Amino acid sequence: MLEVGKKAPSFTALDSTGKKVSLTDFKGKKVVLYFYPKDMTSGCTQEACDFRDSHPDFKKLNAVILGVSIDSIQSHQKFSSKYELPFTLLSDEKKRNC
């Protein structure tokens, strides 16, 4: 079980463009890694939009936001586009990291 403030284990997943993204890609930056159940659901949409609205504050802190769910790359593309999410969504369809 991961504890707040502890380092997350290294992992690699696909972003909404199909590019492999590894946690190690962000070495030297603060990473806000959040997991959510499903794109386009009310609670998950609110959470993503809250991160979107706070994105400038995270950037000032040299922090990146990564959202992870088991949804497909295509679902992430639609979700990100519809709500203009300025951060990376990662697909973990095989539930390797969720």
PDB file of N, CA and C in Angstrom:
ATOM      1  N   MET A   1       0.839  -1.176   0.000  1.00  0.00           N
ATOM      2  CA  MET A   1       0.000   0.000   0.000  1.00  0.00           C
ATOM      3  C   MET A   1       0.883   1.238   0.000  1.00  0.00           C
ATOM      4  N   LEU A   2       0.556   2.177  -0.854  1.00  0.00           N
ATOM      5  CA  LEU A   2       1.300   3.424  -0.957  1.00  0.00           C
ATOM      6  C   LEU A   2       0.824   4.406   0.107  1.00  0.00           C
ATOM      7  N   GLU A   3       1.769   5.085   0.728  1.00  0.00           N
ATOM      8  CA  GLU A   3       1.436   6.081   1.738  1.00  0.00           C
ATOM      9  C   GLU A   3       1.678   7.474   1.183  1.00  0.00           C
ATOM     10  N   VAL A   4       0.888   8.439   1.630  1.00  0.00           N
ATOM     11  CA  VAL A   4       1.050   9.831   1.214  1.00  0.00           C
ATOM     12  C   VAL A   4       2.478  10.264   1.512  1.00  0.00           C
ATOM     13  N   GLY A   5       3.113  10.891   0.517  1.00  0.00           N
ATOM     14  CA  GLY A   5       4.465  11.391   0.690  1.00  0.00           C
ATOM     15  C   GLY A   5       5.558  10.390   0.355  1.00  0.00           C
ATOM     16  N   LYS A   6       5.203   9.122   0.171  1.00  0.00           N
ATOM     17  CA  LYS A   6       6.183   8.092  -0.181  1.00  0.00           C
ATOM     18  C   LYS A   6       6.343   8.042  -1.690  1.00  0.00           C
ATOM     19  N   LYS A   7       7.500   7.578  -2.119  1.00  0.00           N
ATOM     20  CA  LYS A   7       7.744   7.455  -3.549  1.00  0.00           C
ATOM     21  C   LYS A   7       6.920   6.315  -4.136  1.00  0.00           C
ATOM     22  N   ALA A   8       6.330   6.587  -5.285  1.00  0.00           N
ATOM     23  CA  ALA A   8       5.562   5.556  -5.984  1.00  0.00           C
ATOM     24  C   ALA A   8       6.529   4.622  -6.708  1.00  0.00           C
ATOM     25  N   PRO A   9       6.168   3.367  -6.852  1.00  0.00           N
ATOM     26  CA  PRO A   9       7.030   2.458  -7.614  1.00  0.00           C
ATOM     27  C   PRO A   9       7.031   2.857  -9.087  1.00  0.00           C
ATOM     28  N   SER A  10       8.115   2.571  -9.758  1.00  0.00           N
ATOM     29  CA  SER A  10       8.229   2.898 -11.173  1.00  0.00           C
ATOM     30  C   SER A  10       7.191   2.110 -11.973  1.00  0.00           C
ATOM     31  N   PHE A  11       6.641   2.746 -12.987  1.00  0.00           N
ATOM     32  CA  PHE A  11       5.694   2.073 -13.872  1.00  0.00           C
ATOM     33  C   PHE A  11       5.719   2.756 -15.233  1.00  0.00           C
ATOM     34  N   THR A  12       5.172   2.063 -16.220  1.00  0.00           N
ATOM     35  CA  THR A  12       5.032   2.604 -17.570  1.00  0.00           C
ATOM     36  C   THR A  12       3.617   2.317 -18.031  1.00  0.00           C
ATOM     37  N   ALA A  13       2.983   3.309 -18.658  1.00  0.00           N
ATOM     38  CA  ALA A  13       1.628   3.158 -19.197  1.00  0.00           C
ATOM     39  C   ALA A  13       1.528   4.006 -20.461  1.00  0.00           C
ATOM     40  N   LEU A  14       0.447   3.821 -21.203  1.00  0.00           N
ATOM     41  CA  LEU A  14       0.240   4.584 -22.431  1.00  0.00           C
ATOM     42  C   LEU A  14      -0.588   5.825 -22.153  1.00  0.00           C
ATOM     43  N   ASP A  15      -0.173   6.950 -22.768  1.00  0.00           N
ATOM     44  CA  ASP A  15      -0.976   8.163 -22.637  1.00  0.00           C
ATOM     45  C   ASP A  15      -2.056   8.173 -23.710  1.00  0.00           C
ATOM     46  N   SER A  16      -2.812   9.253 -23.800  1.00  0.00           N
ATOM     47  CA  SER A  16      -3.955   9.296 -24.726  1.00  0.00           C
ATOM     48  C   SER A  16      -3.546   9.356 -26.193  1.00  0.00           C
ATOM     49  N   THR A  17      -2.245   9.496 -26.475  1.00  0.00           N
ATOM     50  CA  THR A  17      -1.766   9.458 -27.866  1.00  0.00           C
ATOM     51  C   THR A  17      -1.146   8.109 -28.199  1.00  0.00           C
ATOM     52  N   GLY A  18      -1.074   7.216 -27.209  1.00  0.00           N
ATOM     53  CA  GLY A  18      -0.472   5.906 -27.416  1.00  0.00           C
ATOM     54  C   GLY A  18       1.015   5.866 -27.094  1.00  0.00           C
ATOM     55  N   LYS A  19       1.563   6.987 -26.612  1.00  0.00           N
ATOM     56  CA  LYS A  19       2.977   7.077 -26.253  1.00  0.00           C
ATOM     57  C   LYS A  19       3.201   6.458 -24.875  1.00  0.00           C
ATOM     58  N   LYS A  20       4.318   5.706 -24.746  1.00  0.00           N
ATOM     59  CA  LYS A  20       4.673   5.149 -23.448  1.00  0.00           C
ATOM     60  C   LYS A  20       5.189   6.258 -22.547  1.00  0.00           C
ATOM     61  N   VAL A  21       4.655   6.292 -21.340  1.00  0.00           N
ATOM     62  CA  VAL A  21       5.061   7.276 -20.339  1.00  0.00           C
ATOM     63  C   VAL A  21       5.470   6.502 -19.098  1.00  0.00           C
ATOM     64  N   SER A  22       6.651   6.827 -18.590  1.00  0.00           N
ATOM     65  CA  SER A  22       7.153   6.192 -17.371  1.00  0.00           C
ATOM     66  C   SER A  22       7.246   7.229 -16.267  1.00  0.00           C
ATOM     67  N   LEU A  23       7.064   6.783 -15.067  1.00  0.00           N
ATOM     68  CA  LEU A  23       7.190   7.688 -13.936  1.00  0.00           C
ATOM     69  C   LEU A  23       8.591   8.297 -13.908  1.00  0.00           C
ATOM     70  N   THR A  24       9.585   7.529 -14.335  1.00  0.00           N
ATOM     71  CA  THR A  24      10.961   8.034 -14.345  1.00  0.00           C
ATOM     72  C   THR A  24      11.153   9.185 -15.337  1.00  0.00           C
ATOM     73  N   ASP A  25      10.228   9.378 -16.268  1.00  0.00           N
ATOM     74  CA  ASP A  25      10.298  10.501 -17.209  1.00  0.00           C
ATOM     75  C   ASP A  25      10.212  11.844 -16.487  1.00  0.00           C
ATOM     76  N   PHE A  26       9.729  11.829 -15.270  1.00  0.00           N
ATOM     77  CA  PHE A  26       9.476  13.057 -14.528  1.00  0.00           C
ATOM     78  C   PHE A  26      10.455  13.242 -13.367  1.00  0.00           C
ATOM     79  N   LYS A  27      11.594  12.584 -13.466  1.00  0.00           N
ATOM     80  CA  LYS A  27      12.608  12.687 -12.417  1.00  0.00           C
ATOM     81  C   LYS A  27      12.976  14.154 -12.200  1.00  0.00           C
ATOM     82  N   GLY A  28      13.022  14.552 -10.943  1.00  0.00           N
ATOM     83  CA  GLY A  28      13.345  15.923 -10.596  1.00  0.00           C
ATOM     84  C   GLY A  28      12.128  16.825 -10.478  1.00  0.00           C
ATOM     85  N   LYS A  29      10.967  16.304 -10.837  1.00  0.00           N
ATOM     86  CA  LYS A  29       9.730  17.081 -10.717  1.00  0.00           C
ATOM     87  C   LYS A  29       8.848  16.451  -9.650  1.00  0.00           C
ATOM     88  N   LYS A  30       7.970  17.252  -9.142  1.00  0.00           N
ATOM     89  CA  LYS A  30       6.945  16.728  -8.246  1.00  0.00           C
ATOM     90  C   LYS A  30       5.840  16.164  -9.129  1.00  0.00           C
ATOM     91  N   VAL A  31       5.311  15.029  -8.740  1.00  0.00           N
ATOM     92  CA  VAL A  31       4.262  14.374  -9.524  1.00  0.00           C
ATOM     93  C   VAL A  31       3.033  14.167  -8.651  1.00  0.00           C
ATOM     94  N   VAL A  32       1.910  14.650  -9.147  1.00  0.00           N
ATOM     95  CA  VAL A  32       0.621  14.364  -8.522  1.00  0.00           C
ATOM     96  C   VAL A  32       0.035  13.211  -9.327  1.00  0.00           C
ATOM     97  N   LEU A  33       0.035  12.045  -8.723  1.00  0.00           N
ATOM     98  CA  LEU A  33      -0.432  10.828  -9.382  1.00  0.00           C
ATOM     99  C   LEU A  33      -1.770  10.464  -8.763  1.00  0.00           C
ATOM    100  N   TYR A  34      -2.817  10.528  -9.601  1.00  0.00           N
ATOM    101  CA  TYR A  34      -4.127  10.174  -9.049  1.00  0.00           C
ATOM    102  C   TYR A  34      -4.776   9.099  -9.893  1.00  0.00           C
ATOM    103  N   PHE A  35      -5.477   8.233  -9.221  1.00  0.00           N
ATOM    104  CA  PHE A  35      -6.168   7.114  -9.861  1.00  0.00           C
ATOM    105  C   PHE A  35      -7.661   7.368  -9.757  1.00  0.00           C
ATOM    106  N   TYR A  36      -8.371   7.056 -10.823  1.00  0.00           N
ATOM    107  CA  TYR A  36      -9.816   7.267 -10.815  1.00  0.00           C
ATOM    108  C   TYR A  36     -10.482   6.121 -11.568  1.00  0.00           C
ATOM    109  N   PRO A  37     -11.743   5.829 -11.250  1.00  0.00           N
ATOM    110  CA  PRO A  37     -12.413   4.656 -11.813  1.00  0.00           C
ATOM    111  C   PRO A  37     -12.769   4.729 -13.296  1.00  0.00           C
ATOM    112  N   LYS A  38     -13.331   5.879 -13.767  1.00  0.00           N
ATOM    113  CA  LYS A  38     -13.882   5.866 -15.125  1.00  0.00           C
ATOM    114  C   LYS A  38     -14.021   7.272 -15.695  1.00  0.00           C
ATOM    115  N   ASP A  39     -13.629   7.413 -16.963  1.00  0.00           N
ATOM    116  CA  ASP A  39     -13.839   8.658 -17.682  1.00  0.00           C
ATOM    117  C   ASP A  39     -15.336   8.951 -17.807  1.00  0.00           C
ATOM    118  N   MET A  40     -15.660  10.228 -17.847  1.00  0.00           N
ATOM    119  CA  MET A  40     -17.017  10.728 -18.127  1.00  0.00           C
ATOM    120  C   MET A  40     -18.049  10.451 -17.045  1.00  0.00           C
ATOM    121  N   THR A  41     -17.636   9.985 -15.869  1.00  0.00           N
ATOM    122  CA  THR A  41     -18.595   9.828 -14.777  1.00  0.00           C
ATOM    123  C   THR A  41     -18.588  11.122 -13.963  1.00  0.00           C
ATOM    124  N   SER A  42     -19.651  11.385 -13.256  1.00  0.00           N
ATOM    125  CA  SER A  42     -19.784  12.691 -12.594  1.00  0.00           C
ATOM    126  C   SER A  42     -18.661  12.984 -11.605  1.00  0.00           C
ATOM    127  N   GLY A  43     -18.374  12.054 -10.722  1.00  0.00           N
ATOM    128  CA  GLY A  43     -17.333  12.289  -9.726  1.00  0.00           C
ATOM    129  C   GLY A  43     -15.949  12.421 -10.335  1.00  0.00           C
ATOM    130  N   CYS A  44     -15.638  11.560 -11.292  1.00  0.00           N
ATOM    131  CA  CYS A  44     -14.322  11.590 -11.932  1.00  0.00           C
ATOM    132  C   CYS A  44     -14.169  12.828 -12.805  1.00  0.00           C
ATOM    133  N   THR A  45     -15.244  13.254 -13.429  1.00  0.00           N
ATOM    134  CA  THR A  45     -15.203  14.473 -14.236  1.00  0.00           C
ATOM    135  C   THR A  45     -14.965  15.680 -13.334  1.00  0.00           C
ATOM    136  N   GLN A  46     -15.642  15.741 -12.203  1.00  0.00           N
ATOM    137  CA  GLN A  46     -15.442  16.847 -11.271  1.00  0.00           C
ATOM    138  C   GLN A  46     -14.004  16.883 -10.781  1.00  0.00           C
ATOM    139  N   GLU A  47     -13.474  15.722 -10.441  1.00  0.00           N
ATOM    140  CA  GLU A  47     -12.088  15.641  -9.959  1.00  0.00           C
ATOM    141  C   GLU A  47     -11.116  16.128 -11.039  1.00  0.00           C
ATOM    142  N   ALA A  48     -11.291  15.658 -12.267  1.00  0.00           N
ATOM    143  CA  ALA A  48     -10.414  16.062 -13.368  1.00  0.00           C
ATOM    144  C   ALA A  48     -10.521  17.568 -13.624  1.00  0.00           C
ATOM    145  N   CYS A  49     -11.728  18.094 -13.583  1.00  0.00           N
ATOM    146  CA  CYS A  49     -11.920  19.530 -13.809  1.00  0.00           C
ATOM    147  C   CYS A  49     -11.327  20.362 -12.675  1.00  0.00           C
ATOM    148  N   ASP A  50     -11.349  19.834 -11.459  1.00  0.00           N
ATOM    149  CA  ASP A  50     -10.694  20.527 -10.345  1.00  0.00           C
ATOM    150  C   ASP A  50      -9.182  20.583 -10.574  1.00  0.00           C
ATOM    151  N   PHE A  51      -8.600  19.470 -11.028  1.00  0.00           N
ATOM    152  CA  PHE A  51      -7.172  19.470 -11.355  1.00  0.00           C
ATOM    153  C   PHE A  51      -6.896  20.421 -12.523  1.00  0.00           C
ATOM    154  N   ARG A  52      -7.783  20.427 -13.505  1.00  0.00           N
ATOM    155  CA  ARG A  52      -7.629  21.345 -14.654  1.00  0.00           C
ATOM    156  C   ARG A  52      -7.616  22.794 -14.176  1.00  0.00           C
ATOM    157  N   ASP A  53      -8.563  23.138 -13.343  1.00  0.00           N
ATOM    158  CA  ASP A  53      -8.688  24.516 -12.876  1.00  0.00           C
ATOM    159  C   ASP A  53      -7.504  24.932 -11.986  1.00  0.00           C
ATOM    160  N   SER A  54      -6.890  23.973 -11.312  1.00  0.00           N
ATOM    161  CA  SER A  54      -5.745  24.248 -10.447  1.00  0.00           C
ATOM    162  C   SER A  54      -4.404  24.046 -11.155  1.00  0.00           C
ATOM    163  N   HIS A  55      -4.455  23.645 -12.407  1.00  0.00           N
ATOM    164  CA  HIS A  55      -3.239  23.328 -13.145  1.00  0.00           C
ATOM    165  C   HIS A  55      -2.188  24.440 -13.103  1.00  0.00           C
ATOM    166  N   PRO A  56      -2.557  25.723 -13.271  1.00  0.00           N
ATOM    167  CA  PRO A  56      -1.541  26.781 -13.198  1.00  0.00           C
ATOM    168  C   PRO A  56      -0.787  26.805 -11.860  1.00  0.00           C
ATOM    169  N   ASP A  57      -1.491  26.518 -10.782  1.00  0.00           N
ATOM    170  CA  ASP A  57      -0.851  26.491  -9.466  1.00  0.00           C
ATOM    171  C   ASP A  57       0.149  25.336  -9.364  1.00  0.00           C
ATOM    172  N   PHE A  58      -0.204  24.191  -9.925  1.00  0.00           N
ATOM    173  CA  PHE A  58       0.708  23.046  -9.920  1.00  0.00           C
ATOM    174  C   PHE A  58       1.943  23.344 -10.766  1.00  0.00           C
ATOM    175  N   LYS A  59       1.741  23.992 -11.916  1.00  0.00           N
ATOM    176  CA  LYS A  59       2.873  24.352 -12.782  1.00  0.00           C
ATOM    177  C   LYS A  59       3.858  25.258 -12.056  1.00  0.00           C
ATOM    178  N   LYS A  60       3.350  26.208 -11.285  1.00  0.00           N
ATOM    179  CA  LYS A  60       4.218  27.118 -10.523  1.00  0.00           C
ATOM    180  C   LYS A  60       5.091  26.345  -9.531  1.00  0.00           C
ATOM    181  N   LEU A  61       4.614  25.204  -9.076  1.00  0.00           N
ATOM    182  CA  LEU A  61       5.342  24.372  -8.125  1.00  0.00           C
ATOM    183  C   LEU A  61       6.228  23.339  -8.818  1.00  0.00           C
ATOM    184  N   ASN A  62       6.328  23.441 -10.158  1.00  0.00           N
ATOM    185  CA  ASN A  62       7.094  22.484 -10.950  1.00  0.00           C
ATOM    186  C   ASN A  62       6.548  21.061 -10.774  1.00  0.00           C
ATOM    187  N   ALA A  63       5.231  20.970 -10.690  1.00  0.00           N
ATOM    188  CA  ALA A  63       4.574  19.684 -10.495  1.00  0.00           C
ATOM    189  C   ALA A  63       3.774  19.312 -11.741  1.00  0.00           C
ATOM    190  N   VAL A  64       3.781  18.030 -12.048  1.00  0.00           N
ATOM    191  CA  VAL A  64       2.973  17.530 -13.152  1.00  0.00           C
ATOM    192  C   VAL A  64       1.850  16.668 -12.581  1.00  0.00           C
ATOM    193  N   ILE A  65       0.754  16.623 -13.297  1.00  0.00           N
ATOM    194  CA  ILE A  65      -0.398  15.830 -12.885  1.00  0.00           C
ATOM    195  C   ILE A  65      -0.533  14.660 -13.855  1.00  0.00           C
ATOM    196  N   LEU A  66      -0.693  13.479 -13.299  1.00  0.00           N
ATOM    197  CA  LEU A  66      -0.932  12.272 -14.091  1.00  0.00           C
ATOM    198  C   LEU A  66      -2.179  11.592 -13.548  1.00  0.00           C
ATOM    199  N   GLY A  67      -3.178  11.409 -14.405  1.00  0.00           N
ATOM    200  CA  GLY A  67      -4.384  10.691 -14.026  1.00  0.00           C
ATOM    201  C   GLY A  67      -4.349   9.302 -14.634  1.00  0.00           C
ATOM    202  N   VAL A  68      -4.674   8.290 -13.854  1.00  0.00           N
ATOM    203  CA  VAL A  68      -4.612   6.898 -14.305  1.00  0.00           C
ATOM    204  C   VAL A  68      -5.953   6.217 -14.088  1.00  0.00           C
ATOM    205  N   SER A  69      -6.433   5.550 -15.135  1.00  0.00           N
ATOM    206  CA  SER A  69      -7.626   4.707 -14.996  1.00  0.00           C
ATOM    207  C   SER A  69      -7.495   3.528 -15.944  1.00  0.00           C
ATOM    208  N   ILE A  70      -8.444   2.617 -15.864  1.00  0.00           N
ATOM    209  CA  ILE A  70      -8.415   1.438 -16.738  1.00  0.00           C
ATOM    210  C   ILE A  70      -9.113   1.695 -18.075  1.00  0.00           C
ATOM    211  N   ASP A  71      -9.534   2.922 -18.316  1.00  0.00           N
ATOM    212  CA  ASP A  71     -10.180   3.252 -19.580  1.00  0.00           C
ATOM    213  C   ASP A  71      -9.183   3.178 -20.737  1.00  0.00           C
ATOM    214  N   SER A  72      -9.709   3.049 -21.936  1.00  0.00           N
ATOM    215  CA  SER A  72      -8.877   2.945 -23.139  1.00  0.00           C
ATOM    216  C   SER A  72      -8.267   4.292 -23.515  1.00  0.00           C
ATOM    217  N   ILE A  73      -7.288   4.237 -24.376  1.00  0.00           N
ATOM    218  CA  ILE A  73      -6.658   5.446 -24.901  1.00  0.00           C
ATOM    219  C   ILE A  73      -7.711   6.318 -25.584  1.00  0.00           C
ATOM    220  N   GLN A  74      -8.584   5.696 -26.359  1.00  0.00           N
ATOM    221  CA  GLN A  74      -9.619   6.438 -27.079  1.00  0.00           C
ATOM    222  C   GLN A  74     -10.575   7.143 -26.105  1.00  0.00           C
ATOM    223  N   SER A  75     -10.914   6.481 -25.036  1.00  0.00           N
ATOM    224  CA  SER A  75     -11.782   7.089 -24.028  1.00  0.00           C
ATOM    225  C   SER A  75     -11.086   8.297 -23.395  1.00  0.00           C
ATOM    226  N   HIS A  76      -9.804   8.143 -23.104  1.00  0.00           N
ATOM    227  CA  HIS A  76      -9.031   9.259 -22.537  1.00  0.00           C
ATOM    228  C   HIS A  76      -8.970  10.436 -23.512  1.00  0.00           C
ATOM    229  N   GLN A  77      -8.824  10.142 -24.793  1.00  0.00           N
ATOM    230  CA  GLN A  77      -8.789  11.222 -25.794  1.00  0.00           C
ATOM    231  C   GLN A  77     -10.077  12.031 -25.756  1.00  0.00           C
ATOM    232  N   LYS A  78     -11.203  11.352 -25.741  1.00  0.00           N
ATOM    233  CA  LYS A  78     -12.504  12.031 -25.707  1.00  0.00           C
ATOM    234  C   LYS A  78     -12.686  12.829 -24.418  1.00  0.00           C
ATOM    235  N   PHE A  79     -12.328  12.210 -23.304  1.00  0.00           N
ATOM    236  CA  PHE A  79     -12.477  12.830 -21.989  1.00  0.00           C
ATOM    237  C   PHE A  79     -11.608  14.085 -21.896  1.00  0.00           C
ATOM    238  N   SER A  80     -10.362  13.940 -22.285  1.00  0.00           N
ATOM    239  CA  SER A  80      -9.415  15.054 -22.223  1.00  0.00           C
ATOM    240  C   SER A  80      -9.839  16.200 -23.136  1.00  0.00           C
ATOM    241  N   SER A  81     -10.294  15.861 -24.321  1.00  0.00           N
ATOM    242  CA  SER A  81     -10.722  16.870 -25.291  1.00  0.00           C
ATOM    243  C   SER A  81     -11.993  17.588 -24.827  1.00  0.00           C
ATOM    244  N   LYS A  82     -12.963  16.814 -24.382  1.00  0.00           N
ATOM    245  CA  LYS A  82     -14.246  17.392 -23.984  1.00  0.00           C
ATOM    246  C   LYS A  82     -14.090  18.389 -22.831  1.00  0.00           C
ATOM    247  N   TYR A  83     -13.224  18.067 -21.881  1.00  0.00           N
ATOM    248  CA  TYR A  83     -13.073  18.913 -20.696  1.00  0.00           C
ATOM    249  C   TYR A  83     -11.784  19.742 -20.710  1.00  0.00           C
ATOM    250  N   GLU A  84     -11.099  19.749 -21.859  1.00  0.00           N
ATOM    251  CA  GLU A  84      -9.880  20.549 -22.050  1.00  0.00           C
ATOM    252  C   GLU A  84      -8.890  20.338 -20.911  1.00  0.00           C
ATOM    253  N   LEU A  85      -8.556  19.077 -20.684  1.00  0.00           N
ATOM    254  CA  LEU A  85      -7.641  18.738 -19.598  1.00  0.00           C
ATOM    255  C   LEU A  85      -6.202  18.976 -20.049  1.00  0.00           C
ATOM    256  N   PRO A  86      -5.457  19.820 -19.338  1.00  0.00           N
ATOM    257  CA  PRO A  86      -4.099  20.168 -19.750  1.00  0.00           C
ATOM    258  C   PRO A  86      -3.017  19.259 -19.156  1.00  0.00           C
ATOM    259  N   PHE A  87      -3.402  18.082 -18.720  1.00  0.00           N
ATOM    260  CA  PHE A  87      -2.449  17.154 -18.116  1.00  0.00           C
ATOM    261  C   PHE A  87      -2.633  15.771 -18.726  1.00  0.00           C
ATOM    262  N   THR A  88      -1.714  14.901 -18.420  1.00  0.00           N
ATOM    263  CA  THR A  88      -1.651  13.575 -19.028  1.00  0.00           C
ATOM    264  C   THR A  88      -2.577  12.579 -18.330  1.00  0.00           C
ATOM    265  N   LEU A  89      -3.328  11.848 -19.162  1.00  0.00           N
ATOM    266  CA  LEU A  89      -4.121  10.722 -18.669  1.00  0.00           C
ATOM    267  C   LEU A  89      -3.451   9.446 -19.164  1.00  0.00           C
ATOM    268  N   LEU A  90      -3.314   8.484 -18.279  1.00  0.00           N
ATOM    269  CA  LEU A  90      -2.668   7.225 -18.618  1.00  0.00           C
ATOM    270  C   LEU A  90      -3.672   6.080 -18.572  1.00  0.00           C
ATOM    271  N   SER A  91      -3.516   5.182 -19.516  1.00  0.00           N
ATOM    272  CA  SER A  91      -4.417   4.029 -19.629  1.00  0.00           C
ATOM    273  C   SER A  91      -3.751   2.788 -19.026  1.00  0.00           C
ATOM    274  N   ASP A  92      -4.458   2.148 -18.126  1.00  0.00           N
ATOM    275  CA  ASP A  92      -3.986   0.920 -17.492  1.00  0.00           C
ATOM    276  C   ASP A  92      -5.059  -0.152 -17.678  1.00  0.00           C
ATOM    277  N   GLU A  93      -5.377  -0.425 -18.946  1.00  0.00           N
ATOM    278  CA  GLU A  93      -6.465  -1.362 -19.266  1.00  0.00           C
ATOM    279  C   GLU A  93      -6.240  -2.758 -18.687  1.00  0.00           C
ATOM    280  N   LYS A  94      -4.990  -3.167 -18.539  1.00  0.00           N
ATOM    281  CA  LYS A  94      -4.697  -4.515 -18.019  1.00  0.00           C
ATOM    282  C   LYS A  94      -4.541  -4.518 -16.512  1.00  0.00           C
ATOM    283  N   LYS A  95      -4.836  -3.379 -15.898  1.00  0.00           N
ATOM    284  CA  LYS A  95      -4.816  -3.238 -14.439  1.00  0.00           C
ATOM    285  C   LYS A  95      -3.460  -3.626 -13.823  1.00  0.00           C
ATOM    286  N   ARG A  96      -2.409  -3.177 -14.472  1.00  0.00           N
ATOM    287  CA  ARG A  96      -1.067  -3.464 -13.948  1.00  0.00           C
ATOM    288  C   ARG A  96      -0.688  -2.510 -12.824  1.00  0.00           C
ATOM    289  N   ASN A  97      -1.246  -1.290 -12.852  1.00  0.00           N
ATOM    290  CA  ASN A  97      -0.853  -0.290 -11.870  1.00  0.00           C
ATOM    291  C   ASN A  97      -2.008   0.176 -10.994  1.00  0.00           C
ATOM    292  N   CYS A  98      -3.235  -0.153 -11.352  1.00  0.00           N
ATOM    293  CA  CYS A  98      -4.407   0.301 -10.589  1.00  0.00           C
ATOM    294  C   CYS A  98      -4.744  -0.681  -9.486  1.00  0.00           C
TER     295      CYS A  98
END
